[in-house]
Amino acid sequence: MSRSDDELVRDALDHIDVLKRHLARGDLADETIADAVSLRLASAIEAVSETGSEFRERHFGDDWKIIWATRNRIAHGYAYIDLAMIRDTVENDLPEFERVLRVALT
């Protein structure tokens, strides 16, 4: 059974909410928090990747390639994840990503 775009967006927003709870517990300097935040960020992007291509094009346009590349850098970083990239993404890009997803549900 295929899931709707709205269901997938809700999944992504759930991951973002958990990510924020992790950050409320401490800083990315804590390895456990950094790992948890990275996992939830990648999972949120992964959920959106399962939406229809029309959805991604309409809401993210050319930025989707950069968003997906971020997920790939996390998922395929194996033993090393660039915490500066994660910090920059969480501080500068995540708010807009979340805003777009919330608007998409209205």
PDB file of N, CA and C in Angstrom:
ATOM      1  N   MET A   1       0.829  -1.172   0.000  1.00  0.00           N
ATOM      2  CA  MET A   1       0.000   0.000   0.000  1.00  0.00           C
ATOM      3  C   MET A   1       0.881   1.246   0.000  1.00  0.00           C
ATOM      4  N   SER A   2       0.602   2.135  -0.897  1.00  0.00           N
ATOM      5  CA  SER A   2       1.355   3.366  -1.024  1.00  0.00           C
ATOM      6  C   SER A   2       0.846   4.404  -0.019  1.00  0.00           C
ATOM      7  N   ARG A   3       1.751   5.164   0.538  1.00  0.00           N
ATOM      8  CA  ARG A   3       1.372   6.189   1.505  1.00  0.00           C
ATOM      9  C   ARG A   3       1.211   7.518   0.792  1.00  0.00           C
ATOM     10  N   SER A   4       0.306   8.325   1.289  1.00  0.00           N
ATOM     11  CA  SER A   4       0.038   9.622   0.663  1.00  0.00           C
ATOM     12  C   SER A   4       1.160  10.609   0.990  1.00  0.00           C
ATOM     13  N   ASP A   5       1.238  11.652   0.185  1.00  0.00           N
ATOM     14  CA  ASP A   5       2.215  12.709   0.443  1.00  0.00           C
ATOM     15  C   ASP A   5       2.002  13.302   1.832  1.00  0.00           C
ATOM     16  N   ASP A   6       0.743  13.523   2.223  1.00  0.00           N
ATOM     17  CA  ASP A   6       0.465  14.088   3.551  1.00  0.00           C
ATOM     18  C   ASP A   6       0.981  13.184   4.666  1.00  0.00           C
ATOM     19  N   GLU A   7       0.802  11.894   4.528  1.00  0.00           N
ATOM     20  CA  GLU A   7       1.303  10.958   5.555  1.00  0.00           C
ATOM     21  C   GLU A   7       2.826  11.023   5.641  1.00  0.00           C
ATOM     22  N   LEU A   8       3.469  11.092   4.502  1.00  0.00           N
ATOM     23  CA  LEU A   8       4.922  11.155   4.476  1.00  0.00           C
ATOM     24  C   LEU A   8       5.434  12.466   5.052  1.00  0.00           C
ATOM     25  N   VAL A   9       4.737  13.556   4.773  1.00  0.00           N
ATOM     26  CA  VAL A   9       5.109  14.856   5.341  1.00  0.00           C
ATOM     27  C   VAL A   9       4.945  14.823   6.859  1.00  0.00           C
ATOM     28  N   ARG A  10       3.872  14.219   7.327  1.00  0.00           N
ATOM     29  CA  ARG A  10       3.683  14.097   8.782  1.00  0.00           C
ATOM     30  C   ARG A  10       4.809  13.276   9.409  1.00  0.00           C
ATOM     31  N   ASP A  11       5.232  12.229   8.733  1.00  0.00           N
ATOM     32  CA  ASP A  11       6.372  11.444   9.229  1.00  0.00           C
ATOM     33  C   ASP A  11       7.619  12.323   9.325  1.00  0.00           C
ATOM     34  N   ALA A  12       7.881  13.095   8.290  1.00  0.00           N
ATOM     35  CA  ALA A  12       9.048  13.973   8.285  1.00  0.00           C
ATOM     36  C   ALA A  12       8.968  14.973   9.438  1.00  0.00           C
ATOM     37  N   LEU A  13       7.792  15.546   9.649  1.00  0.00           N
ATOM     38  CA  LEU A  13       7.617  16.506  10.738  1.00  0.00           C
ATOM     39  C   LEU A  13       7.776  15.839  12.097  1.00  0.00           C
ATOM     40  N   ASP A  14       7.351  14.598  12.214  1.00  0.00           N
ATOM     41  CA  ASP A  14       7.569  13.858  13.466  1.00  0.00           C
ATOM     42  C   ASP A  14       9.067  13.697  13.731  1.00  0.00           C
ATOM     43  N   HIS A  15       9.833  13.374  12.700  1.00  0.00           N
ATOM     44  CA  HIS A  15      11.286  13.249  12.856  1.00  0.00           C
ATOM     45  C   HIS A  15      11.893  14.590  13.272  1.00  0.00           C
ATOM     46  N   ILE A  16      11.413  15.671  12.689  1.00  0.00           N
ATOM     47  CA  ILE A  16      11.929  16.995  13.039  1.00  0.00           C
ATOM     48  C   ILE A  16      11.592  17.326  14.488  1.00  0.00           C
ATOM     49  N   ASP A  17      10.401  16.992  14.936  1.00  0.00           N
ATOM     50  CA  ASP A  17      10.029  17.237  16.330  1.00  0.00           C
ATOM     51  C   ASP A  17      10.946  16.477  17.285  1.00  0.00           C
ATOM     52  N   VAL A  18      11.255  15.224  16.960  1.00  0.00           N
ATOM     53  CA  VAL A  18      12.159  14.441  17.809  1.00  0.00           C
ATOM     54  C   VAL A  18      13.563  15.043  17.768  1.00  0.00           C
ATOM     55  N   LEU A  19      14.001  15.457  16.590  1.00  0.00           N
ATOM     56  CA  LEU A  19      15.304  16.110  16.443  1.00  0.00           C
ATOM     57  C   LEU A  19      15.397  17.304  17.387  1.00  0.00           C
ATOM     58  N   LYS A  20      14.354  18.104  17.442  1.00  0.00           N
ATOM     59  CA  LYS A  20      14.349  19.280  18.321  1.00  0.00           C
ATOM     60  C   LYS A  20      14.404  18.875  19.793  1.00  0.00           C
ATOM     61  N   ARG A  21      13.737  17.796  20.141  1.00  0.00           N
ATOM     62  CA  ARG A  21      13.803  17.310  21.526  1.00  0.00           C
ATOM     63  C   ARG A  21      15.232  16.864  21.869  1.00  0.00           C
ATOM     64  N   HIS A  22      15.897  16.238  20.918  1.00  0.00           N
ATOM     65  CA  HIS A  22      17.294  15.857  21.156  1.00  0.00           C
ATOM     66  C   HIS A  22      18.144  17.103  21.408  1.00  0.00           C
ATOM     67  N   LEU A  23      17.954  18.124  20.599  1.00  0.00           N
ATOM     68  CA  LEU A  23      18.738  19.352  20.763  1.00  0.00           C
ATOM     69  C   LEU A  23      18.431  20.058  22.079  1.00  0.00           C
ATOM     70  N   ALA A  24      17.214  19.909  22.559  1.00  0.00           N
ATOM     71  CA  ALA A  24      16.848  20.520  23.839  1.00  0.00           C
ATOM     72  C   ALA A  24      17.599  19.862  25.001  1.00  0.00           C
ATOM     73  N   ARG A  25      18.083  18.655  24.794  1.00  0.00           N
ATOM     74  CA  ARG A  25      18.807  17.926  25.845  1.00  0.00           C
ATOM     75  C   ARG A  25      20.280  18.303  25.902  1.00  0.00           C
ATOM     76  N   GLY A  26      20.780  18.898  24.825  1.00  0.00           N
ATOM     77  CA  GLY A  26      22.190  19.262  24.814  1.00  0.00           C
ATOM     78  C   GLY A  26      22.641  19.716  23.444  1.00  0.00           C
ATOM     79  N   ASP A  27      23.915  19.920  23.332  1.00  0.00           N
ATOM     80  CA  ASP A  27      24.531  20.472  22.132  1.00  0.00           C
ATOM     81  C   ASP A  27      25.056  19.367  21.217  1.00  0.00           C
ATOM     82  N   LEU A  28      25.296  19.728  19.979  1.00  0.00           N
ATOM     83  CA  LEU A  28      25.863  18.782  19.015  1.00  0.00           C
ATOM     84  C   LEU A  28      27.286  18.364  19.383  1.00  0.00           C
ATOM     85  N   ALA A  29      27.892  19.044  20.354  1.00  0.00           N
ATOM     86  CA  ALA A  29      29.207  18.625  20.816  1.00  0.00           C
ATOM     87  C   ALA A  29      29.133  17.268  21.519  1.00  0.00           C
ATOM     88  N   ASP A  30      27.960  16.929  22.023  1.00  0.00           N
ATOM     89  CA  ASP A  30      27.732  15.614  22.624  1.00  0.00           C
ATOM     90  C   ASP A  30      27.539  14.619  21.484  1.00  0.00           C
ATOM     91  N   GLU A  31      28.410  13.633  21.418  1.00  0.00           N
ATOM     92  CA  GLU A  31      28.397  12.681  20.304  1.00  0.00           C
ATOM     93  C   GLU A  31      27.053  11.960  20.159  1.00  0.00           C
ATOM     94  N   THR A  32      26.440  11.605  21.270  1.00  0.00           N
ATOM     95  CA  THR A  32      25.158  10.902  21.219  1.00  0.00           C
ATOM     96  C   THR A  32      24.072  11.795  20.637  1.00  0.00           C
ATOM     97  N   ILE A  33      24.045  13.038  21.047  1.00  0.00           N
ATOM     98  CA  ILE A  33      23.056  13.977  20.510  1.00  0.00           C
ATOM     99  C   ILE A  33      23.331  14.231  19.038  1.00  0.00           C
ATOM    100  N   ALA A  34      24.589  14.394  18.678  1.00  0.00           N
ATOM    101  CA  ALA A  34      24.936  14.617  17.272  1.00  0.00           C
ATOM    102  C   ALA A  34      24.474  13.448  16.408  1.00  0.00           C
ATOM    103  N   ASP A  35      24.705  12.231  16.887  1.00  0.00           N
ATOM    104  CA  ASP A  35      24.257  11.051  16.141  1.00  0.00           C
ATOM    105  C   ASP A  35      22.737  11.022  16.017  1.00  0.00           C
ATOM    106  N   ALA A  36      22.045  11.299  17.115  1.00  0.00           N
ATOM    107  CA  ALA A  36      20.582  11.266  17.105  1.00  0.00           C
ATOM    108  C   ALA A  36      20.013  12.335  16.179  1.00  0.00           C
ATOM    109  N   VAL A  37      20.551  13.531  16.234  1.00  0.00           N
ATOM    110  CA  VAL A  37      20.089  14.623  15.368  1.00  0.00           C
ATOM    111  C   VAL A  37      20.350  14.274  13.905  1.00  0.00           C
ATOM    112  N   SER A  38      21.528  13.755  13.622  1.00  0.00           N
ATOM    113  CA  SER A  38      21.864  13.377  12.241  1.00  0.00           C
ATOM    114  C   SER A  38      20.907  12.315  11.716  1.00  0.00           C
ATOM    115  N   LEU A  39      20.627  11.320  12.538  1.00  0.00           N
ATOM    116  CA  LEU A  39      19.707  10.257  12.137  1.00  0.00           C
ATOM    117  C   LEU A  39      18.321  10.813  11.843  1.00  0.00           C
ATOM    118  N   ARG A  40      17.814  11.660  12.721  1.00  0.00           N
ATOM    119  CA  ARG A  40      16.473  12.215  12.518  1.00  0.00           C
ATOM    120  C   ARG A  40      16.421  13.156  11.321  1.00  0.00           C
ATOM    121  N   LEU A  41      17.470  13.908  11.092  1.00  0.00           N
ATOM    122  CA  LEU A  41      17.513  14.782   9.917  1.00  0.00           C
ATOM    123  C   LEU A  41      17.479  13.940   8.646  1.00  0.00           C
ATOM    124  N   ALA A  42      18.305  12.914   8.586  1.00  0.00           N
ATOM    125  CA  ALA A  42      18.315  12.034   7.412  1.00  0.00           C
ATOM    126  C   ALA A  42      16.969  11.339   7.240  1.00  0.00           C
ATOM    127  N   SER A  43      16.350  10.935   8.341  1.00  0.00           N
ATOM    128  CA  SER A  43      15.050  10.252   8.269  1.00  0.00           C
ATOM    129  C   SER A  43      13.952  11.186   7.782  1.00  0.00           C
ATOM    130  N   ALA A  44      13.990  12.436   8.207  1.00  0.00           N
ATOM    131  CA  ALA A  44      13.000  13.407   7.731  1.00  0.00           C
ATOM    132  C   ALA A  44      13.130  13.610   6.228  1.00  0.00           C
ATOM    133  N   ILE A  45      14.352  13.761   5.765  1.00  0.00           N
ATOM    134  CA  ILE A  45      14.582  13.940   4.328  1.00  0.00           C
ATOM    135  C   ILE A  45      14.166  12.681   3.569  1.00  0.00           C
ATOM    136  N   GLU A  46      14.483  11.529   4.122  1.00  0.00           N
ATOM    137  CA  GLU A  46      14.102  10.255   3.489  1.00  0.00           C
ATOM    138  C   GLU A  46      12.588  10.151   3.342  1.00  0.00           C
ATOM    139  N   ALA A  47      11.847  10.556   4.368  1.00  0.00           N
ATOM    140  CA  ALA A  47      10.383  10.507   4.293  1.00  0.00           C
ATOM    141  C   ALA A  47       9.873  11.387   3.155  1.00  0.00           C
ATOM    142  N   VAL A  48      10.443  12.571   3.029  1.00  0.00           N
ATOM    143  CA  VAL A  48      10.024  13.468   1.947  1.00  0.00           C
ATOM    144  C   VAL A  48      10.418  12.903   0.591  1.00  0.00           C
ATOM    145  N   SER A  49      11.509  12.170   0.543  1.00  0.00           N
ATOM    146  CA  SER A  49      11.952  11.588  -0.732  1.00  0.00           C
ATOM    147  C   SER A  49      10.941  10.595  -1.289  1.00  0.00           C
ATOM    148  N   GLU A  50      10.094  10.063  -0.423  1.00  0.00           N
ATOM    149  CA  GLU A  50       9.098   9.088  -0.852  1.00  0.00           C
ATOM    150  C   GLU A  50       7.810   9.741  -1.354  1.00  0.00           C
ATOM    151  N   THR A  51       7.714  11.073  -1.227  1.00  0.00           N
ATOM    152  CA  THR A  51       6.560  11.770  -1.803  1.00  0.00           C
ATOM    153  C   THR A  51       6.684  11.742  -3.321  1.00  0.00           C
ATOM    154  N   GLY A  52       5.629  12.132  -3.993  1.00  0.00           N
ATOM    155  CA  GLY A  52       5.673  12.183  -5.445  1.00  0.00           C
ATOM    156  C   GLY A  52       6.623  13.256  -5.952  1.00  0.00           C
ATOM    157  N   SER A  53       7.185  13.023  -7.114  1.00  0.00           N
ATOM    158  CA  SER A  53       8.125  13.995  -7.680  1.00  0.00           C
ATOM    159  C   SER A  53       7.459  15.354  -7.887  1.00  0.00           C
ATOM    160  N   GLU A  54       6.146  15.362  -8.169  1.00  0.00           N
ATOM    161  CA  GLU A  54       5.431  16.632  -8.338  1.00  0.00           C
ATOM    162  C   GLU A  54       5.420  17.409  -7.027  1.00  0.00           C
ATOM    163  N   PHE A  55       5.221  16.703  -5.917  1.00  0.00           N
ATOM    164  CA  PHE A  55       5.231  17.343  -4.601  1.00  0.00           C
ATOM    165  C   PHE A  55       6.587  17.991  -4.344  1.00  0.00           C
ATOM    166  N   ARG A  56       7.661  17.238  -4.543  1.00  0.00           N
ATOM    167  CA  ARG A  56       9.008  17.758  -4.278  1.00  0.00           C
ATOM    168  C   ARG A  56       9.331  18.929  -5.186  1.00  0.00           C
ATOM    169  N   GLU A  57       8.943  18.845  -6.446  1.00  0.00           N
ATOM    170  CA  GLU A  57       9.202  19.937  -7.383  1.00  0.00           C
ATOM    171  C   GLU A  57       8.430  21.193  -6.982  1.00  0.00           C
ATOM    172  N   ARG A  58       7.169  21.028  -6.639  1.00  0.00           N
ATOM    173  CA  ARG A  58       6.311  22.161  -6.273  1.00  0.00           C
ATOM    174  C   ARG A  58       6.816  22.859  -5.003  1.00  0.00           C
ATOM    175  N   HIS A  59       7.254  22.090  -4.017  1.00  0.00           N
ATOM    176  CA  HIS A  59       7.599  22.676  -2.722  1.00  0.00           C
ATOM    177  C   HIS A  59       9.085  22.989  -2.545  1.00  0.00           C
ATOM    178  N   PHE A  60       9.938  22.304  -3.271  1.00  0.00           N
ATOM    179  CA  PHE A  60      11.372  22.501  -3.068  1.00  0.00           C
ATOM    180  C   PHE A  60      12.133  22.881  -4.331  1.00  0.00           C
ATOM    181  N   GLY A  61      11.560  22.628  -5.499  1.00  0.00           N
ATOM    182  CA  GLY A  61      12.216  22.988  -6.753  1.00  0.00           C
ATOM    183  C   GLY A  61      13.629  22.432  -6.835  1.00  0.00           C
ATOM    184  N   ASP A  62      14.528  23.269  -7.315  1.00  0.00           N
ATOM    185  CA  ASP A  62      15.924  22.851  -7.476  1.00  0.00           C
ATOM    186  C   ASP A  62      16.618  22.585  -6.150  1.00  0.00           C
ATOM    187  N   ASP A  63      16.094  23.130  -5.057  1.00  0.00           N
ATOM    188  CA  ASP A  63      16.699  22.896  -3.742  1.00  0.00           C
ATOM    189  C   ASP A  63      16.634  21.430  -3.334  1.00  0.00           C
ATOM    190  N   TRP A  64      15.704  20.666  -3.926  1.00  0.00           N
ATOM    191  CA  TRP A  64      15.593  19.270  -3.535  1.00  0.00           C
ATOM    192  C   TRP A  64      16.911  18.512  -3.749  1.00  0.00           C
ATOM    193  N   LYS A  65      17.625  18.821  -4.813  1.00  0.00           N
ATOM    194  CA  LYS A  65      18.891  18.133  -5.074  1.00  0.00           C
ATOM    195  C   LYS A  65      19.887  18.364  -3.933  1.00  0.00           C
ATOM    196  N   ILE A  66      19.905  19.563  -3.406  1.00  0.00           N
ATOM    197  CA  ILE A  66      20.799  19.895  -2.296  1.00  0.00           C
ATOM    198  C   ILE A  66      20.330  19.201  -1.016  1.00  0.00           C
ATOM    199  N   ILE A  67      19.021  19.203  -0.800  1.00  0.00           N
ATOM    200  CA  ILE A  67      18.457  18.535   0.377  1.00  0.00           C
ATOM    201  C   ILE A  67      18.803  17.050   0.341  1.00  0.00           C
ATOM    202  N   TRP A  68      18.590  16.422  -0.802  1.00  0.00           N
ATOM    203  CA  TRP A  68      18.875  14.992  -0.928  1.00  0.00           C
ATOM    204  C   TRP A  68      20.374  14.713  -0.770  1.00  0.00           C
ATOM    205  N   ALA A  69      21.203  15.613  -1.278  1.00  0.00           N
ATOM    206  CA  ALA A  69      22.654  15.456  -1.119  1.00  0.00           C
ATOM    207  C   ALA A  69      23.046  15.510   0.356  1.00  0.00           C
ATOM    208  N   THR A  70      22.348  16.336   1.125  1.00  0.00           N
ATOM    209  CA  THR A  70      22.601  16.401   2.565  1.00  0.00           C
ATOM    210  C   THR A  70      22.299  15.059   3.203  1.00  0.00           C
ATOM    211  N   ARG A  71      21.173  14.476   2.844  1.00  0.00           N
ATOM    212  CA  ARG A  71      20.811  13.146   3.363  1.00  0.00           C
ATOM    213  C   ARG A  71      21.873  12.128   2.999  1.00  0.00           C
ATOM    214  N   ASN A  72      22.342  12.176   1.766  1.00  0.00           N
ATOM    215  CA  ASN A  72      23.347  11.215   1.315  1.00  0.00           C
ATOM    216  C   ASN A  72      24.664  11.385   2.068  1.00  0.00           C
ATOM    217  N   ARG A  73      25.025  12.624   2.364  1.00  0.00           N
ATOM    218  CA  ARG A  73      26.257  12.860   3.116  1.00  0.00           C
ATOM    219  C   ARG A  73      26.153  12.282   4.518  1.00  0.00           C
ATOM    220  N   ILE A  74      24.952  12.351   5.098  1.00  0.00           N
ATOM    221  CA  ILE A  74      24.746  11.761   6.422  1.00  0.00           C
ATOM    222  C   ILE A  74      24.726  10.238   6.312  1.00  0.00           C
ATOM    223  N   ALA A  75      23.914   9.737   5.418  1.00  0.00           N
ATOM    224  CA  ALA A  75      23.696   8.288   5.316  1.00  0.00           C
ATOM    225  C   ALA A  75      24.934   7.536   4.860  1.00  0.00           C
ATOM    226  N   HIS A  76      25.757   8.158   4.043  1.00  0.00           N
ATOM    227  CA  HIS A  76      26.917   7.463   3.494  1.00  0.00           C
ATOM    228  C   HIS A  76      28.229   7.948   4.092  1.00  0.00           C
ATOM    229  N   GLY A  77      28.108   8.732   5.168  1.00  0.00           N
ATOM    230  CA  GLY A  77      29.315   9.222   5.831  1.00  0.00           C
ATOM    231  C   GLY A  77      29.994   8.148   6.645  1.00  0.00           C
ATOM    232  N   TYR A  78      29.233   7.056   6.913  1.00  0.00           N
ATOM    233  CA  TYR A  78      29.751   5.926   7.664  1.00  0.00           C
ATOM    234  C   TYR A  78      30.334   6.377   8.998  1.00  0.00           C
ATOM    235  N   ALA A  79      31.622   6.284   9.186  1.00  0.00           N
ATOM    236  CA  ALA A  79      32.214   6.558  10.497  1.00  0.00           C
ATOM    237  C   ALA A  79      32.347   8.051  10.787  1.00  0.00           C
ATOM    238  N   TYR A  80      32.266   8.873   9.781  1.00  0.00           N
ATOM    239  CA  TYR A  80      32.494  10.300   9.987  1.00  0.00           C
ATOM    240  C   TYR A  80      31.342  11.113   9.424  1.00  0.00           C
ATOM    241  N   ILE A  81      30.736  11.910  10.273  1.00  0.00           N
ATOM    242  CA  ILE A  81      29.717  12.858   9.848  1.00  0.00           C
ATOM    243  C   ILE A  81      30.246  14.244  10.161  1.00  0.00           C
ATOM    244  N   ASP A  82      30.213  15.117   9.195  1.00  0.00           N
ATOM    245  CA  ASP A  82      30.708  16.478   9.341  1.00  0.00           C
ATOM    246  C   ASP A  82      29.752  17.262  10.242  1.00  0.00           C
ATOM    247  N   LEU A  83      30.122  17.427  11.504  1.00  0.00           N
ATOM    248  CA  LEU A  83      29.244  18.105  12.454  1.00  0.00           C
ATOM    249  C   LEU A  83      29.039  19.579  12.118  1.00  0.00           C
ATOM    250  N   ALA A  84      30.011  20.186  11.465  1.00  0.00           N
ATOM    251  CA  ALA A  84      29.830  21.584  11.044  1.00  0.00           C
ATOM    252  C   ALA A  84      28.705  21.662  10.018  1.00  0.00           C
ATOM    253  N   MET A  85      28.648  20.687   9.117  1.00  0.00           N
ATOM    254  CA  MET A  85      27.579  20.648   8.118  1.00  0.00           C
ATOM    255  C   MET A  85      26.227  20.401   8.796  1.00  0.00           C
ATOM    256  N   ILE A  86      26.198  19.501   9.770  1.00  0.00           N
ATOM    257  CA  ILE A  86      24.948  19.227  10.483  1.00  0.00           C
ATOM    258  C   ILE A  86      24.497  20.475  11.227  1.00  0.00           C
ATOM    259  N   ARG A  87      25.406  21.106  11.945  1.00  0.00           N
ATOM    260  CA  ARG A  87      25.073  22.322  12.698  1.00  0.00           C
ATOM    261  C   ARG A  87      24.550  23.407  11.755  1.00  0.00           C
ATOM    262  N   ASP A  88      25.244  23.634  10.658  1.00  0.00           N
ATOM    263  CA  ASP A  88      24.828  24.649   9.687  1.00  0.00           C
ATOM    264  C   ASP A  88      23.445  24.322   9.125  1.00  0.00           C
ATOM    265  N   THR A  89      23.224  23.070   8.809  1.00  0.00           N
ATOM    266  CA  THR A  89      21.932  22.649   8.253  1.00  0.00           C
ATOM    267  C   THR A  89      20.816  22.843   9.269  1.00  0.00           C
ATOM    268  N   VAL A  90      21.053  22.423  10.497  1.00  0.00           N
ATOM    269  CA  VAL A  90      20.020  22.536  11.537  1.00  0.00           C
ATOM    270  C   VAL A  90      19.712  24.006  11.834  1.00  0.00           C
ATOM    271  N   GLU A  91      20.738  24.819  11.918  1.00  0.00           N
ATOM    272  CA  GLU A  91      20.530  26.227  12.271  1.00  0.00           C
ATOM    273  C   GLU A  91      19.985  27.061  11.114  1.00  0.00           C
ATOM    274  N   ASN A  92      20.449  26.796   9.894  1.00  0.00           N
ATOM    275  CA  ASN A  92      20.126  27.682   8.779  1.00  0.00           C
ATOM    276  C   ASN A  92      19.101  27.145   7.787  1.00  0.00           C
ATOM    277  N   ASP A  93      19.031  25.830   7.630  1.00  0.00           N
ATOM    278  CA  ASP A  93      18.170  25.261   6.592  1.00  0.00           C
ATOM    279  C   ASP A  93      16.940  24.548   7.140  1.00  0.00           C
ATOM    280  N   LEU A  94      17.073  23.948   8.298  1.00  0.00           N
ATOM    281  CA  LEU A  94      15.960  23.180   8.854  1.00  0.00           C
ATOM    282  C   LEU A  94      14.717  24.026   9.100  1.00  0.00           C
ATOM    283  N   PRO A  95      14.838  25.255   9.602  1.00  0.00           N
ATOM    284  CA  PRO A  95      13.609  26.042   9.815  1.00  0.00           C
ATOM    285  C   PRO A  95      12.782  26.232   8.541  1.00  0.00           C
ATOM    286  N   GLU A  96      13.418  26.492   7.430  1.00  0.00           N
ATOM    287  CA  GLU A  96      12.685  26.675   6.173  1.00  0.00           C
ATOM    288  C   GLU A  96      12.134  25.348   5.660  1.00  0.00           C
ATOM    289  N   PHE A  97      12.897  24.289   5.788  1.00  0.00           N
ATOM    290  CA  PHE A  97      12.434  22.955   5.395  1.00  0.00           C
ATOM    291  C   PHE A  97      11.166  22.611   6.174  1.00  0.00           C
ATOM    292  N   GLU A  98      11.205  22.825   7.481  1.00  0.00           N
ATOM    293  CA  GLU A  98      10.039  22.544   8.313  1.00  0.00           C
ATOM    294  C   GLU A  98       8.856  23.438   7.937  1.00  0.00           C
ATOM    295  N   ARG A  99       9.126  24.721   7.715  1.00  0.00           N
ATOM    296  CA  ARG A  99       8.053  25.659   7.349  1.00  0.00           C
ATOM    297  C   ARG A  99       7.357  25.216   6.072  1.00  0.00           C
ATOM    298  N   VAL A 100       8.133  24.841   5.072  1.00  0.00           N
ATOM    299  CA  VAL A 100       7.564  24.390   3.794  1.00  0.00           C
ATOM    300  C   VAL A 100       6.699  23.151   4.007  1.00  0.00           C
ATOM    301  N   LEU A 101       7.174  22.232   4.820  1.00  0.00           N
ATOM    302  CA  LEU A 101       6.380  21.019   5.074  1.00  0.00           C
ATOM    303  C   LEU A 101       5.082  21.342   5.800  1.00  0.00           C
ATOM    304  N   ARG A 102       5.139  22.235   6.774  1.00  0.00           N
ATOM    305  CA  ARG A 102       3.909  22.601   7.514  1.00  0.00           C
ATOM    306  C   ARG A 102       2.914  23.307   6.585  1.00  0.00           C
ATOM    307  N   VAL A 103       3.403  24.174   5.726  1.00  0.00           N
ATOM    308  CA  VAL A 103       2.528  24.872   4.766  1.00  0.00           C
ATOM    309  C   VAL A 103       1.912  23.858   3.798  1.00  0.00           C
ATOM    310  N   ALA A 104       2.669  22.858   3.418  1.00  0.00           N
ATOM    311  CA  ALA A 104       2.173  21.852   2.474  1.00  0.00           C
ATOM    312  C   ALA A 104       0.976  21.097   3.038  1.00  0.00           C
ATOM    313  N   LEU A 105       0.874  21.012   4.347  1.00  0.00           N
ATOM    314  CA  LEU A 105      -0.248  20.289   4.974  1.00  0.00           C
ATOM    315  C   LEU A 105      -1.503  21.138   5.077  1.00  0.00           C
ATOM    316  N   THR A 106      -1.391  22.427   4.865  1.00  0.00           N
ATOM    317  CA  THR A 106      -2.581  23.291   4.995  1.00  0.00           C
ATOM    318  C   THR A 106      -3.372  23.382   3.715  1.00  0.00           C
TER     319      THR A 106
END
